[in-house]
N, C-alpha and C. Protein backbone atom coordinates (compact mmCIF):
# COMPACT_ATOMS: atom_id res chain seq x y z
N UNK A 1 0.84 -1.17 0.00
CA UNK A 1 0.00 0.00 0.00
C UNK A 1 0.90 1.25 0.00
N UNK A 2 0.63 2.22 -0.87
CA UNK A 2 1.48 3.41 -0.90
C UNK A 2 1.30 4.26 0.37
N UNK A 3 2.30 5.07 0.63
CA UNK A 3 2.24 6.01 1.74
C UNK A 3 1.01 6.90 1.55
N UNK A 4 0.34 7.30 2.64
CA UNK A 4 -0.86 8.14 2.52
C UNK A 4 -0.66 9.43 1.72
N UNK A 5 0.51 10.03 1.79
CA UNK A 5 0.74 11.25 0.99
C UNK A 5 0.83 10.94 -0.50
N UNK A 6 1.31 9.76 -0.84
CA UNK A 6 1.35 9.35 -2.25
C UNK A 6 -0.08 9.13 -2.74
N UNK A 7 -0.91 8.54 -1.89
CA UNK A 7 -2.32 8.36 -2.25
C UNK A 7 -2.97 9.72 -2.51
N UNK A 8 -2.65 10.72 -1.70
CA UNK A 8 -3.20 12.06 -1.91
C UNK A 8 -2.72 12.67 -3.22
N UNK A 9 -1.44 12.47 -3.55
CA UNK A 9 -0.93 12.96 -4.84
C UNK A 9 -1.68 12.30 -5.99
N UNK A 10 -1.89 11.02 -5.91
CA UNK A 10 -2.60 10.32 -6.99
C UNK A 10 -4.04 10.81 -7.12
N UNK A 11 -4.69 11.04 -6.00
CA UNK A 11 -6.03 11.60 -6.04
C UNK A 11 -6.00 12.98 -6.70
N UNK A 12 -5.03 13.76 -6.34
CA UNK A 12 -4.89 15.10 -6.92
C UNK A 12 -4.65 15.03 -8.42
N UNK A 13 -3.81 14.12 -8.85
CA UNK A 13 -3.59 13.93 -10.29
C UNK A 13 -4.92 13.59 -10.98
N UNK A 14 -5.70 12.69 -10.38
CA UNK A 14 -6.99 12.32 -10.96
C UNK A 14 -7.93 13.53 -11.05
N UNK A 15 -7.92 14.36 -10.03
CA UNK A 15 -8.75 15.56 -10.03
C UNK A 15 -8.29 16.54 -11.11
N UNK A 16 -7.00 16.62 -11.32
CA UNK A 16 -6.44 17.47 -12.38
C UNK A 16 -6.96 17.01 -13.74
N UNK A 17 -6.89 15.72 -13.98
CA UNK A 17 -7.39 15.16 -15.24
C UNK A 17 -8.90 15.41 -15.36
N UNK A 18 -9.63 15.17 -14.29
CA UNK A 18 -11.08 15.38 -14.30
C UNK A 18 -11.43 16.83 -14.64
N UNK A 19 -10.67 17.76 -14.09
CA UNK A 19 -10.94 19.17 -14.33
C UNK A 19 -10.61 19.63 -15.74
N UNK A 20 -9.80 18.86 -16.44
CA UNK A 20 -9.37 19.26 -17.78
C UNK A 20 -9.98 18.39 -18.88
N UNK A 21 -10.82 17.47 -18.53
CA UNK A 21 -11.46 16.59 -19.51
C UNK A 21 -12.35 17.42 -20.45
N UNK A 22 -12.28 17.08 -21.72
CA UNK A 22 -13.15 17.71 -22.70
C UNK A 22 -12.57 18.93 -23.39
N UNK A 23 -11.34 19.27 -23.10
CA UNK A 23 -10.70 20.42 -23.76
C UNK A 23 -10.29 20.08 -25.18
N UNK A 24 -10.41 21.02 -26.07
CA UNK A 24 -9.85 20.86 -27.41
C UNK A 24 -8.43 21.40 -27.41
N UNK A 25 -7.68 21.05 -28.42
CA UNK A 25 -6.32 21.57 -28.55
C UNK A 25 -6.33 23.09 -28.62
N UNK A 26 -7.24 23.62 -29.39
CA UNK A 26 -7.32 25.08 -29.55
C UNK A 26 -7.61 25.76 -28.20
N UNK A 27 -8.52 25.20 -27.44
CA UNK A 27 -8.85 25.78 -26.14
C UNK A 27 -7.67 25.69 -25.18
N UNK A 28 -7.00 24.54 -25.17
CA UNK A 28 -5.89 24.33 -24.25
C UNK A 28 -4.69 25.21 -24.57
N UNK A 29 -4.59 25.68 -25.80
CA UNK A 29 -3.46 26.51 -26.21
C UNK A 29 -3.76 28.01 -26.10
N UNK A 30 -4.98 28.34 -25.78
CA UNK A 30 -5.37 29.75 -25.70
C UNK A 30 -4.80 30.38 -24.43
N UNK A 31 -4.35 31.62 -24.56
CA UNK A 31 -3.83 32.35 -23.40
C UNK A 31 -4.69 33.56 -23.12
N UNK A 32 -5.03 33.73 -21.86
CA UNK A 32 -5.64 34.95 -21.35
C UNK A 32 -4.53 35.59 -20.50
N UNK A 33 -3.78 36.47 -21.11
CA UNK A 33 -2.60 37.02 -20.47
C UNK A 33 -2.94 37.66 -19.13
N UNK A 34 -2.14 37.50 -18.12
CA UNK A 34 -0.82 36.88 -18.12
C UNK A 34 -0.83 35.38 -17.80
N UNK A 35 -2.00 34.77 -17.75
CA UNK A 35 -2.10 33.34 -17.41
C UNK A 35 -1.49 32.50 -18.53
N UNK A 36 -0.79 31.45 -18.16
CA UNK A 36 -0.27 30.52 -19.14
C UNK A 36 -1.40 29.68 -19.74
N UNK A 37 -1.12 29.08 -20.87
CA UNK A 37 -2.10 28.19 -21.49
C UNK A 37 -2.26 26.93 -20.65
N UNK A 38 -3.41 26.29 -20.77
CA UNK A 38 -3.66 25.04 -20.04
C UNK A 38 -2.70 23.96 -20.51
N UNK A 39 -2.41 23.91 -21.80
CA UNK A 39 -1.46 22.89 -22.27
C UNK A 39 -0.09 23.10 -21.63
N UNK A 40 0.31 24.36 -21.44
CA UNK A 40 1.57 24.65 -20.74
C UNK A 40 1.50 24.12 -19.31
N UNK A 41 0.36 24.34 -18.63
CA UNK A 41 0.21 23.89 -17.24
C UNK A 41 0.39 22.38 -17.13
N UNK A 42 -0.16 21.64 -18.07
CA UNK A 42 -0.03 20.18 -18.06
C UNK A 42 1.44 19.80 -18.20
N UNK A 43 2.10 20.40 -19.18
CA UNK A 43 3.52 20.12 -19.37
C UNK A 43 4.36 20.56 -18.19
N UNK A 44 4.00 21.69 -17.60
CA UNK A 44 4.73 22.22 -16.45
C UNK A 44 4.66 21.27 -15.26
N UNK A 45 3.49 20.69 -15.02
CA UNK A 45 3.38 19.73 -13.92
C UNK A 45 4.12 18.44 -14.24
N UNK A 46 4.14 18.05 -15.50
CA UNK A 46 4.97 16.90 -15.89
C UNK A 46 6.43 17.21 -15.63
N UNK A 47 6.84 18.43 -15.98
CA UNK A 47 8.23 18.85 -15.73
C UNK A 47 8.54 18.77 -14.24
N UNK A 48 7.63 19.27 -13.37
CA UNK A 48 7.90 19.25 -11.94
C UNK A 48 8.02 17.82 -11.42
N UNK A 49 7.12 16.95 -11.85
CA UNK A 49 7.21 15.56 -11.38
C UNK A 49 8.51 14.91 -11.88
N UNK A 50 8.86 15.18 -13.13
CA UNK A 50 10.12 14.63 -13.65
C UNK A 50 11.29 15.16 -12.83
N UNK A 51 11.33 16.45 -12.59
CA UNK A 51 12.43 17.06 -11.85
C UNK A 51 12.55 16.45 -10.45
N UNK A 52 11.43 16.26 -9.78
CA UNK A 52 11.48 15.74 -8.42
C UNK A 52 11.74 14.25 -8.35
N UNK A 53 10.86 13.46 -8.98
CA UNK A 53 10.89 12.01 -8.75
C UNK A 53 11.86 11.27 -9.66
N UNK A 54 12.11 11.80 -10.84
CA UNK A 54 13.03 11.13 -11.76
C UNK A 54 14.44 11.73 -11.69
N UNK A 55 14.56 13.03 -11.89
CA UNK A 55 15.89 13.64 -11.97
C UNK A 55 16.53 13.76 -10.59
N UNK A 56 15.89 14.45 -9.68
CA UNK A 56 16.49 14.67 -8.37
C UNK A 56 16.62 13.37 -7.58
N UNK A 57 15.58 12.56 -7.57
CA UNK A 57 15.58 11.35 -6.75
C UNK A 57 16.35 10.19 -7.38
N UNK A 58 16.37 10.14 -8.74
CA UNK A 58 16.95 8.96 -9.38
C UNK A 58 17.99 9.27 -10.45
N UNK A 59 18.21 10.54 -10.73
CA UNK A 59 19.21 10.90 -11.74
C UNK A 59 18.78 10.61 -13.16
N UNK A 60 17.48 10.59 -13.44
CA UNK A 60 16.97 10.27 -14.78
C UNK A 60 16.27 11.47 -15.39
N UNK A 61 16.35 11.56 -16.70
CA UNK A 61 15.57 12.54 -17.45
C UNK A 61 14.85 11.78 -18.54
N UNK A 62 13.55 11.71 -18.44
CA UNK A 62 12.74 10.99 -19.41
C UNK A 62 12.41 11.86 -20.60
N UNK A 63 12.07 13.12 -20.35
CA UNK A 63 11.67 14.06 -21.40
C UNK A 63 12.47 15.35 -21.24
N UNK A 64 13.65 15.39 -21.84
CA UNK A 64 14.52 16.58 -21.74
C UNK A 64 13.83 17.82 -22.30
N UNK A 65 12.94 17.65 -23.26
CA UNK A 65 12.26 18.80 -23.85
C UNK A 65 11.44 19.58 -22.83
N UNK A 66 10.96 18.92 -21.79
CA UNK A 66 10.19 19.62 -20.77
C UNK A 66 11.03 20.67 -20.06
N UNK A 67 12.31 20.38 -19.88
CA UNK A 67 13.22 21.32 -19.22
C UNK A 67 13.38 22.61 -20.02
N UNK A 68 13.25 22.53 -21.31
CA UNK A 68 13.41 23.71 -22.17
C UNK A 68 12.10 24.42 -22.47
N UNK A 69 11.00 23.71 -22.42
CA UNK A 69 9.73 24.26 -22.88
C UNK A 69 8.78 24.72 -21.79
N UNK A 70 8.77 24.03 -20.65
CA UNK A 70 7.73 24.32 -19.66
C UNK A 70 8.26 24.40 -18.23
N UNK A 71 9.55 24.58 -18.09
CA UNK A 71 10.15 24.72 -16.76
C UNK A 71 9.88 26.11 -16.20
N UNK A 72 10.01 26.24 -14.90
CA UNK A 72 9.91 27.54 -14.26
C UNK A 72 10.88 28.51 -14.91
N UNK A 73 10.41 29.71 -15.19
CA UNK A 73 11.29 30.74 -15.74
C UNK A 73 11.45 30.73 -17.24
N UNK A 74 10.95 29.71 -17.90
CA UNK A 74 11.02 29.68 -19.36
C UNK A 74 9.92 30.56 -19.94
N UNK A 75 10.10 31.04 -21.17
CA UNK A 75 9.07 31.90 -21.77
C UNK A 75 7.74 31.16 -21.90
N UNK A 76 6.67 31.93 -21.80
CA UNK A 76 5.34 31.36 -21.97
C UNK A 76 5.23 30.70 -23.33
N UNK A 77 4.46 29.63 -23.39
CA UNK A 77 4.29 28.92 -24.66
C UNK A 77 2.90 28.30 -24.72
N UNK A 78 2.57 27.81 -25.88
CA UNK A 78 1.27 27.17 -26.09
C UNK A 78 1.49 25.84 -26.81
N UNK A 79 2.07 24.86 -26.11
CA UNK A 79 2.38 23.59 -26.75
C UNK A 79 1.11 22.80 -27.09
N UNK A 80 1.22 21.87 -28.03
CA UNK A 80 0.07 21.03 -28.39
C UNK A 80 -0.45 20.24 -27.18
N UNK A 81 -1.74 20.19 -27.03
CA UNK A 81 -2.37 19.53 -25.90
C UNK A 81 -1.99 18.06 -25.80
N UNK A 82 -2.17 17.32 -26.87
CA UNK A 82 -1.91 15.88 -26.81
C UNK A 82 -0.44 15.59 -26.51
N UNK A 83 0.45 16.41 -27.01
CA UNK A 83 1.87 16.23 -26.72
C UNK A 83 2.15 16.39 -25.22
N UNK A 84 1.50 17.36 -24.60
CA UNK A 84 1.71 17.58 -23.17
C UNK A 84 1.06 16.48 -22.34
N UNK A 85 -0.13 16.01 -22.74
CA UNK A 85 -0.73 14.88 -22.02
C UNK A 85 0.14 13.63 -22.16
N UNK A 86 0.71 13.42 -23.35
CA UNK A 86 1.58 12.25 -23.55
C UNK A 86 2.80 12.34 -22.63
N UNK A 87 3.40 13.51 -22.55
CA UNK A 87 4.55 13.70 -21.66
C UNK A 87 4.13 13.50 -20.20
N UNK A 88 3.00 14.07 -19.82
CA UNK A 88 2.53 13.96 -18.44
C UNK A 88 2.28 12.49 -18.07
N UNK A 89 1.61 11.77 -18.95
CA UNK A 89 1.34 10.35 -18.67
C UNK A 89 2.63 9.54 -18.57
N UNK A 90 3.59 9.80 -19.43
CA UNK A 90 4.86 9.07 -19.40
C UNK A 90 5.63 9.36 -18.11
N UNK A 91 5.69 10.61 -17.74
CA UNK A 91 6.44 10.99 -16.53
C UNK A 91 5.77 10.46 -15.28
N UNK A 92 4.46 10.61 -15.17
CA UNK A 92 3.79 10.13 -13.96
C UNK A 92 3.88 8.61 -13.85
N UNK A 93 3.76 7.93 -14.96
CA UNK A 93 3.90 6.46 -14.94
C UNK A 93 5.31 6.05 -14.51
N UNK A 94 6.31 6.73 -15.06
CA UNK A 94 7.70 6.41 -14.71
C UNK A 94 8.02 6.75 -13.26
N UNK A 95 7.30 7.68 -12.68
CA UNK A 95 7.54 8.11 -11.30
C UNK A 95 6.88 7.19 -10.27
N UNK A 96 5.87 6.47 -10.68
CA UNK A 96 5.05 5.74 -9.73
C UNK A 96 5.81 4.68 -8.92
N UNK A 97 6.73 3.96 -9.51
CA UNK A 97 7.46 2.93 -8.76
C UNK A 97 8.27 3.56 -7.62
N UNK A 98 8.92 4.68 -7.91
CA UNK A 98 9.69 5.36 -6.86
C UNK A 98 8.76 5.87 -5.77
N UNK A 99 7.64 6.46 -6.17
CA UNK A 99 6.68 6.96 -5.18
C UNK A 99 6.11 5.82 -4.34
N UNK A 100 5.83 4.68 -4.97
CA UNK A 100 5.28 3.53 -4.23
C UNK A 100 6.25 3.01 -3.17
N UNK A 101 7.53 3.23 -3.36
CA UNK A 101 8.54 2.73 -2.42
C UNK A 101 8.78 3.67 -1.23
N UNK A 102 8.15 4.85 -1.25
CA UNK A 102 8.36 5.80 -0.16
C UNK A 102 7.76 5.28 1.14
N UNK A 103 8.52 5.42 2.19
CA UNK A 103 8.08 5.10 3.54
C UNK A 103 8.12 6.39 4.35
N UNK A 104 7.55 6.35 5.53
CA UNK A 104 7.61 7.53 6.40
C UNK A 104 9.06 7.94 6.64
N UNK A 105 9.93 6.98 6.85
CA UNK A 105 11.35 7.28 7.07
C UNK A 105 11.97 7.96 5.85
N UNK A 106 11.71 7.42 4.66
CA UNK A 106 12.26 8.02 3.44
C UNK A 106 11.67 9.40 3.18
N UNK A 107 10.43 9.63 3.61
CA UNK A 107 9.80 10.94 3.45
C UNK A 107 10.56 12.02 4.20
N UNK A 108 11.23 11.63 5.28
CA UNK A 108 11.94 12.58 6.12
C UNK A 108 13.36 12.86 5.64
N UNK A 109 13.82 12.11 4.66
CA UNK A 109 15.17 12.27 4.13
C UNK A 109 15.17 13.23 2.95
N UNK A 110 16.30 13.91 2.73
CA UNK A 110 16.37 14.80 1.56
C UNK A 110 16.12 14.02 0.27
N UNK A 111 15.42 14.67 -0.65
CA UNK A 111 15.15 14.03 -1.93
C UNK A 111 16.44 13.85 -2.71
N UNK A 112 17.36 14.78 -2.48
CA UNK A 112 18.68 14.76 -3.10
C UNK A 112 19.56 15.61 -2.20
N UNK A 113 20.84 15.43 -2.30
CA UNK A 113 21.76 16.16 -1.41
C UNK A 113 21.52 17.67 -1.48
N UNK A 114 21.38 18.26 -0.30
CA UNK A 114 21.21 19.70 -0.21
C UNK A 114 19.79 20.20 -0.41
N UNK A 115 18.84 19.30 -0.61
CA UNK A 115 17.45 19.70 -0.85
C UNK A 115 16.55 19.30 0.31
N UNK A 116 15.33 19.79 0.28
CA UNK A 116 14.33 19.45 1.30
C UNK A 116 13.99 17.96 1.25
N UNK A 117 13.20 17.55 2.22
CA UNK A 117 12.82 16.14 2.31
C UNK A 117 11.89 15.73 1.17
N UNK A 118 11.87 14.45 0.92
CA UNK A 118 10.96 13.90 -0.09
C UNK A 118 9.52 14.22 0.28
N UNK A 119 9.20 14.19 1.57
CA UNK A 119 7.84 14.51 2.01
C UNK A 119 7.46 15.95 1.71
N UNK A 120 8.41 16.87 1.91
CA UNK A 120 8.14 18.28 1.59
C UNK A 120 7.92 18.45 0.10
N UNK A 121 8.72 17.79 -0.72
CA UNK A 121 8.54 17.87 -2.17
C UNK A 121 7.23 17.23 -2.60
N UNK A 122 6.83 16.18 -1.92
CA UNK A 122 5.55 15.54 -2.25
C UNK A 122 4.39 16.49 -1.96
N UNK A 123 4.45 17.15 -0.83
CA UNK A 123 3.39 18.12 -0.53
C UNK A 123 3.42 19.30 -1.49
N UNK A 124 4.62 19.80 -1.80
CA UNK A 124 4.75 20.92 -2.74
C UNK A 124 4.14 20.55 -4.09
N UNK A 125 4.40 19.35 -4.55
CA UNK A 125 3.88 18.91 -5.84
C UNK A 125 2.35 18.81 -5.80
N UNK A 126 1.82 18.23 -4.74
CA UNK A 126 0.37 18.10 -4.60
C UNK A 126 -0.29 19.47 -4.59
N UNK A 127 0.25 20.39 -3.81
CA UNK A 127 -0.33 21.73 -3.74
C UNK A 127 -0.17 22.47 -5.06
N UNK A 128 0.91 22.23 -5.78
CA UNK A 128 1.14 22.85 -7.08
C UNK A 128 0.05 22.43 -8.07
N UNK A 129 -0.34 21.17 -8.02
CA UNK A 129 -1.43 20.70 -8.86
C UNK A 129 -2.72 21.47 -8.57
N UNK A 130 -3.06 21.62 -7.30
CA UNK A 130 -4.31 22.31 -6.95
C UNK A 130 -4.26 23.76 -7.42
N UNK A 131 -3.11 24.40 -7.29
CA UNK A 131 -2.95 25.78 -7.76
C UNK A 131 -3.28 25.87 -9.25
N UNK A 132 -2.63 25.02 -10.04
CA UNK A 132 -2.84 25.08 -11.49
C UNK A 132 -4.22 24.58 -11.90
N UNK A 133 -4.80 23.66 -11.15
CA UNK A 133 -6.15 23.23 -11.48
C UNK A 133 -7.14 24.39 -11.32
N UNK A 134 -7.01 25.13 -10.25
CA UNK A 134 -7.87 26.30 -10.06
C UNK A 134 -7.68 27.31 -11.18
N UNK A 135 -6.44 27.54 -11.52
CA UNK A 135 -6.12 28.47 -12.61
C UNK A 135 -6.71 27.97 -13.93
N UNK A 136 -6.56 26.68 -14.21
CA UNK A 136 -7.08 26.11 -15.45
C UNK A 136 -8.61 26.16 -15.51
N UNK A 137 -9.25 25.92 -14.38
CA UNK A 137 -10.71 25.99 -14.36
C UNK A 137 -11.19 27.43 -14.57
N UNK A 138 -10.43 28.39 -14.09
CA UNK A 138 -10.76 29.80 -14.36
C UNK A 138 -10.65 30.08 -15.86
N UNK A 139 -9.61 29.57 -16.49
CA UNK A 139 -9.46 29.73 -17.94
C UNK A 139 -10.63 29.08 -18.65
N UNK A 140 -11.01 27.89 -18.22
CA UNK A 140 -12.14 27.22 -18.85
C UNK A 140 -13.42 28.04 -18.72
N UNK A 141 -13.62 28.69 -17.59
CA UNK A 141 -14.79 29.55 -17.43
C UNK A 141 -14.72 30.73 -18.40
N UNK A 142 -13.51 31.30 -18.58
CA UNK A 142 -13.35 32.40 -19.53
C UNK A 142 -13.59 31.94 -20.97
N UNK A 143 -13.36 30.66 -21.23
CA UNK A 143 -13.64 30.09 -22.54
C UNK A 143 -15.14 29.82 -22.73
N UNK A 144 -15.92 30.00 -21.67
CA UNK A 144 -17.36 29.79 -21.76
C UNK A 144 -17.81 28.40 -21.38
N UNK A 145 -16.90 27.57 -20.85
CA UNK A 145 -17.28 26.21 -20.45
C UNK A 145 -18.19 26.26 -19.23
N UNK A 146 -19.16 25.40 -19.24
CA UNK A 146 -20.12 25.30 -18.14
C UNK A 146 -20.10 23.89 -17.58
N UNK A 147 -20.75 23.72 -16.46
CA UNK A 147 -20.85 22.41 -15.80
C UNK A 147 -19.48 21.80 -15.50
N UNK A 148 -18.56 22.64 -15.08
CA UNK A 148 -17.22 22.18 -14.71
C UNK A 148 -17.23 21.65 -13.28
N UNK A 149 -16.26 20.81 -12.94
CA UNK A 149 -16.17 20.39 -11.54
C UNK A 149 -16.06 21.63 -10.66
N UNK A 150 -16.82 21.66 -9.59
CA UNK A 150 -16.77 22.82 -8.70
C UNK A 150 -16.51 22.42 -7.26
N UNK A 151 -16.15 21.17 -7.06
CA UNK A 151 -15.82 20.71 -5.72
C UNK A 151 -14.93 19.49 -5.86
N UNK A 152 -14.16 19.22 -4.83
CA UNK A 152 -13.29 18.05 -4.81
C UNK A 152 -14.11 16.80 -5.04
N UNK A 153 -13.57 15.87 -5.82
CA UNK A 153 -14.28 14.63 -6.15
C UNK A 153 -14.43 13.70 -4.96
N UNK A 154 -14.58 12.43 -5.22
CA UNK A 154 -14.92 11.42 -4.21
C UNK A 154 -13.70 11.02 -3.37
N UNK A 155 -13.24 11.94 -2.57
CA UNK A 155 -12.07 11.68 -1.73
C UNK A 155 -12.37 10.58 -0.71
N UNK A 156 -13.64 10.47 -0.28
CA UNK A 156 -13.99 9.44 0.71
C UNK A 156 -13.69 8.03 0.19
N UNK A 157 -13.92 7.81 -1.08
CA UNK A 157 -13.67 6.48 -1.66
C UNK A 157 -12.25 6.35 -2.20
N UNK A 158 -11.71 7.42 -2.78
CA UNK A 158 -10.43 7.32 -3.47
C UNK A 158 -9.21 7.61 -2.60
N UNK A 159 -9.36 8.50 -1.64
CA UNK A 159 -8.18 8.88 -0.84
C UNK A 159 -8.59 9.36 0.55
N UNK A 160 -9.29 8.52 1.32
CA UNK A 160 -9.70 8.95 2.66
C UNK A 160 -8.48 9.13 3.56
N UNK A 161 -8.69 9.83 4.64
CA UNK A 161 -7.60 10.02 5.60
C UNK A 161 -7.10 8.65 6.06
N UNK A 162 -5.77 8.53 6.09
CA UNK A 162 -5.11 7.34 6.63
C UNK A 162 -3.92 7.81 7.46
N UNK A 163 -3.79 7.35 8.66
CA UNK A 163 -2.62 7.74 9.44
C UNK A 163 -1.35 7.12 8.84
N UNK A 164 -0.24 7.77 9.08
CA UNK A 164 1.03 7.23 8.58
C UNK A 164 1.39 5.97 9.34
């Protein structure tokens, strides 16, 4: 069974996907300045997961293009939606084995020399998803989308509270 914080990250990933279901490529690439495009947000979160769980924790880079296109501090862009979902799915899948191996003890250790603990990075990543999901749902509202998710999904069934 994964650590409870990993379960929360997975629930958050599912909510991110739920909140972005039904977007067209054109919609996902649209920018309401200064907000980034939704396709950028998807790639950006893939970049963060790659940076934390693959590069920092394991010394791997699965998608080097993410470092140039959607990393913090890079110029705003409007990448193709399906390309960013493909990158996101590949990175999250590749990260899952490492995340599944996390224990409470490993959560307290630095993710990499000189950095915060794996647990702190796990929380930062989870909260980063919620930030961008809210931002993306605001963009969807500006696009005229209706009947969007307006509350957290079925956390009781998918990710209820579990003590460490």
